[in-house]
Every structure is written in C-alpha cells, then in structure tokens.
Amino acid sequence: MIINFNTNKLAKILTNDRLIKKYYAPLYSNLISRLTELRAVRNLSLISHNPPPRKHKLTGKYEGCWSIDLSRNYRLIFTVPDESKLDENDIDEILILDIVDTH
C-alpha cells in the first residue's frame, strides 16, 4: 500500500526507526509492526478488523477517517486521499494524519 503523511515532520519521524523510538518510545514496537503491515498489503481490506490491528472507521471529530490500534489508548489515524474509493478492496493508498490518544 502507498503511505503518505499529513506533514513533513510526521513523514520524517515515521520513516526513521531512531526518530520513532525518540518520539513514540512506549508505542515503538506496535507502531513499527503496524507500519510494516500497512506497507506490505495491497489494499486496506487485508488489514484485520480484529485485534491487534483492529482497523475501524471513526466518528465524531475524526468522522471519515480510519484508525488502527497501537495501544490501549493510542491510535494511528489515517484517511483515504481518493474519496471515490469506498470499498476497502479498492483502497491502495492512505494518508496518515496523526498518532493520538483517542480517550
């Protein structure tokens, strides 16, 4: 899957293991695993709805976005740049927006 980032800073951090460890130390291993999974799959349908990734659509403040669990509270928030692709089988590109504590 093609992964893009919302900001240059986020791109710089999430493409460098050392910076991931510096900024997201408690989430390091799960974050590396999730990014590796996302890079390896052809489309979004291949990411599980079940834990540990637990991919799911969001509502409220992040309506229209998706998230993947990184820990009990933290989520990797992303959206689909091509809004015409509604089927998970067609989604082959994502835009990572943020890593946030959603609780």
C-alpha atoms as a PDB file:
ATOM      1  CA  MET A   1       0.000   0.000   0.000  1.00  0.00           C
ATOM      2  CA  ILE A   2       1.137   3.543  -0.642  1.00  0.00           C
ATOM      3  CA  ILE A   3       1.559   5.535   2.570  1.00  0.00           C
ATOM      4  CA  ASN A   4       1.621   9.331   2.607  1.00  0.00           C
ATOM      5  CA  PHE A   5       1.889  11.637   5.599  1.00  0.00           C
ATOM      6  CA  ASN A   6      -0.069  14.731   6.617  1.00  0.00           C
ATOM      7  CA  THR A   7       3.031  16.767   7.470  1.00  0.00           C
ATOM      8  CA  ASN A   8       6.716  16.691   6.598  1.00  0.00           C
ATOM      9  CA  LYS A   9       7.550  16.312  10.292  1.00  0.00           C
ATOM     10  CA  LEU A  10       5.337  13.235  10.612  1.00  0.00           C
ATOM     11  CA  ALA A  11       6.887  11.768   7.442  1.00  0.00           C
ATOM     12  CA  LYS A  12      10.391  12.362   8.777  1.00  0.00           C
ATOM     13  CA  ILE A  13       9.582  10.702  12.112  1.00  0.00           C
ATOM     14  CA  LEU A  14       7.619   7.712  10.813  1.00  0.00           C
ATOM     15  CA  THR A  15      10.197   6.806   8.182  1.00  0.00           C
ATOM     16  CA  ASN A  16      13.112   6.692  10.630  1.00  0.00           C
ATOM     17  CA  ASP A  17      13.309   3.985  13.317  1.00  0.00           C
ATOM     18  CA  ARG A  18      15.523   6.112  15.564  1.00  0.00           C
ATOM     19  CA  LEU A  19      13.052   9.021  15.487  1.00  0.00           C
ATOM     20  CA  ILE A  20      10.093   6.711  16.071  1.00  0.00           C
ATOM     21  CA  LYS A  21      11.852   5.440  19.194  1.00  0.00           C
ATOM     22  CA  LYS A  22      12.626   9.026  20.293  1.00  0.00           C
ATOM     23  CA  TYR A  23       9.102  10.431  19.839  1.00  0.00           C
ATOM     24  CA  TYR A  24       6.971   7.324  20.415  1.00  0.00           C
ATOM     25  CA  ALA A  25       9.088   5.123  22.709  1.00  0.00           C
ATOM     26  CA  PRO A  26       6.167   3.429  24.538  1.00  0.00           C
ATOM     27  CA  LEU A  27       4.492   2.651  21.195  1.00  0.00           C
ATOM     28  CA  TYR A  28       7.665   1.761  19.297  1.00  0.00           C
ATOM     29  CA  SER A  29       7.214  -1.971  18.662  1.00  0.00           C
ATOM     30  CA  ASN A  30       3.495  -1.751  17.875  1.00  0.00           C
ATOM     31  CA  LEU A  31       3.990   1.281  15.637  1.00  0.00           C
ATOM     32  CA  ILE A  32       6.764  -0.452  13.673  1.00  0.00           C
ATOM     33  CA  SER A  33       4.543  -3.537  13.298  1.00  0.00           C
ATOM     34  CA  ARG A  34       1.542  -1.553  12.064  1.00  0.00           C
ATOM     35  CA  LEU A  35       3.591   0.478   9.566  1.00  0.00           C
ATOM     36  CA  THR A  36       5.194  -2.716   8.265  1.00  0.00           C
ATOM     37  CA  GLU A  37       1.765  -4.329   7.875  1.00  0.00           C
ATOM     38  CA  LEU A  38       0.424  -1.302   6.009  1.00  0.00           C
ATOM     39  CA  ARG A  39       3.387  -1.240   3.631  1.00  0.00           C
ATOM     40  CA  ALA A  40       3.104  -4.981   2.955  1.00  0.00           C
ATOM     41  CA  VAL A  41      -0.574  -5.221   1.983  1.00  0.00           C
ATOM     42  CA  ARG A  42      -2.057  -4.435  -1.433  1.00  0.00           C
ATOM     43  CA  ASN A  43      -5.220  -2.845  -0.067  1.00  0.00           C
ATOM     44  CA  LEU A  44      -6.982  -1.881   3.144  1.00  0.00           C
ATOM     45  CA  SER A  45      -9.206  -4.972   3.222  1.00  0.00           C
ATOM     46  CA  LEU A  46      -6.158  -7.078   4.136  1.00  0.00           C
ATOM     47  CA  ILE A  47      -5.741  -5.315   7.496  1.00  0.00           C
ATOM     48  CA  SER A  48      -7.744  -7.113  10.168  1.00  0.00           C
ATOM     49  CA  HIS A  49     -10.773  -5.723  11.989  1.00  0.00           C
ATOM     50  CA  ASN A  50      -9.756  -7.918  14.928  1.00  0.00           C
ATOM     51  CA  PRO A  51      -7.025  -7.155  17.443  1.00  0.00           C
ATOM     52  CA  PRO A  52      -4.153  -6.500  17.424  1.00  0.00           C
ATOM     53  CA  PRO A  53      -4.512  -4.050  14.489  1.00  0.00           C
ATOM     54  CA  ARG A  54      -8.295  -3.626  14.938  1.00  0.00           C
ATOM     55  CA  LYS A  55      -8.850  -1.381  11.929  1.00  0.00           C
ATOM     56  CA  HIS A  56     -12.059   0.633  12.234  1.00  0.00           C
ATOM     57  CA  LYS A  57     -13.804   3.722  10.886  1.00  0.00           C
ATOM     58  CA  LEU A  58     -14.124   6.682  13.208  1.00  0.00           C
ATOM     59  CA  THR A  59     -16.985   9.006  14.059  1.00  0.00           C
ATOM     60  CA  GLY A  60     -17.210  12.384  15.755  1.00  0.00           C
ATOM     61  CA  LYS A  61     -14.151  14.613  15.455  1.00  0.00           C
ATOM     62  CA  TYR A  62     -12.480  12.140  13.087  1.00  0.00           C
ATOM     63  CA  GLU A  63     -15.522  11.226  11.000  1.00  0.00           C
ATOM     64  CA  GLY A  64     -14.464   9.889   7.619  1.00  0.00           C
ATOM     65  CA  CYS A  65     -11.135   8.679   8.984  1.00  0.00           C
ATOM     66  CA  TRP A  66      -9.887   5.237   9.947  1.00  0.00           C
ATOM     67  CA  SER A  67      -7.736   4.124  12.843  1.00  0.00           C
ATOM     68  CA  ILE A  68      -5.563   1.210  13.841  1.00  0.00           C
ATOM     69  CA  ASP A  69      -4.794   0.391  17.471  1.00  0.00           C
ATOM     70  CA  LEU A  70      -1.271   0.992  18.723  1.00  0.00           C
ATOM     71  CA  SER A  71      -2.022   0.510  22.425  1.00  0.00           C
ATOM     72  CA  ARG A  72      -4.994   0.557  24.751  1.00  0.00           C
ATOM     73  CA  ASN A  73      -5.491   4.309  24.155  1.00  0.00           C
ATOM     74  CA  TYR A  74      -3.308   5.319  21.205  1.00  0.00           C
ATOM     75  CA  ARG A  75      -4.396   5.070  17.580  1.00  0.00           C
ATOM     76  CA  LEU A  76      -2.780   5.618  14.196  1.00  0.00           C
ATOM     77  CA  ILE A  77      -5.282   7.913  12.442  1.00  0.00           C
ATOM     78  CA  PHE A  78      -5.449   7.937   8.658  1.00  0.00           C
ATOM     79  CA  THR A  79      -7.735   8.836   5.802  1.00  0.00           C
ATOM     80  CA  VAL A  80      -8.120   7.832   2.184  1.00  0.00           C
ATOM     81  CA  PRO A  81      -6.962  10.589  -0.208  1.00  0.00           C
ATOM     82  CA  ASP A  82      -9.173   9.330  -3.057  1.00  0.00           C
ATOM     83  CA  GLU A  83     -12.683   9.724  -1.631  1.00  0.00           C
ATOM     84  CA  SER A  84     -14.180   7.964  -4.652  1.00  0.00           C
ATOM     85  CA  LYS A  85     -12.723   4.686  -3.347  1.00  0.00           C
ATOM     86  CA  LEU A  86     -15.316   3.478  -0.854  1.00  0.00           C
ATOM     87  CA  ASP A  87     -14.646  -0.264  -0.975  1.00  0.00           C
ATOM     88  CA  GLU A  88     -11.750  -1.466   1.205  1.00  0.00           C
ATOM     89  CA  ASN A  89     -10.612  -3.684  -1.686  1.00  0.00           C
ATOM     90  CA  ASP A  90     -10.036  -0.557  -3.807  1.00  0.00           C
ATOM     91  CA  ILE A  91      -8.179   1.472  -1.175  1.00  0.00           C
ATOM     92  CA  ASP A  92      -4.488   1.138  -2.004  1.00  0.00           C
ATOM     93  CA  GLU A  93      -3.272   4.499  -0.682  1.00  0.00           C
ATOM     94  CA  ILE A  94      -3.637   6.166   2.714  1.00  0.00           C
ATOM     95  CA  LEU A  95      -2.716   9.490   4.292  1.00  0.00           C
ATOM     96  CA  ILE A  96      -1.535   9.195   7.899  1.00  0.00           C
ATOM     97  CA  LEU A  97      -2.874  12.183   9.823  1.00  0.00           C
ATOM     98  CA  ASP A  98      -1.642  11.656  13.368  1.00  0.00           C
ATOM     99  CA  ILE A  99      -0.974   9.369  16.298  1.00  0.00           C
ATOM    100  CA  VAL A 100      -3.322  10.310  19.111  1.00  0.00           C
ATOM    101  CA  ASP A 101      -4.760   9.237  22.434  1.00  0.00           C
ATOM    102  CA  THR A 102      -8.423   8.961  21.489  1.00  0.00           C
ATOM    103  CA  HIS A 103      -9.653   8.510  25.067  1.00  0.00           C
END
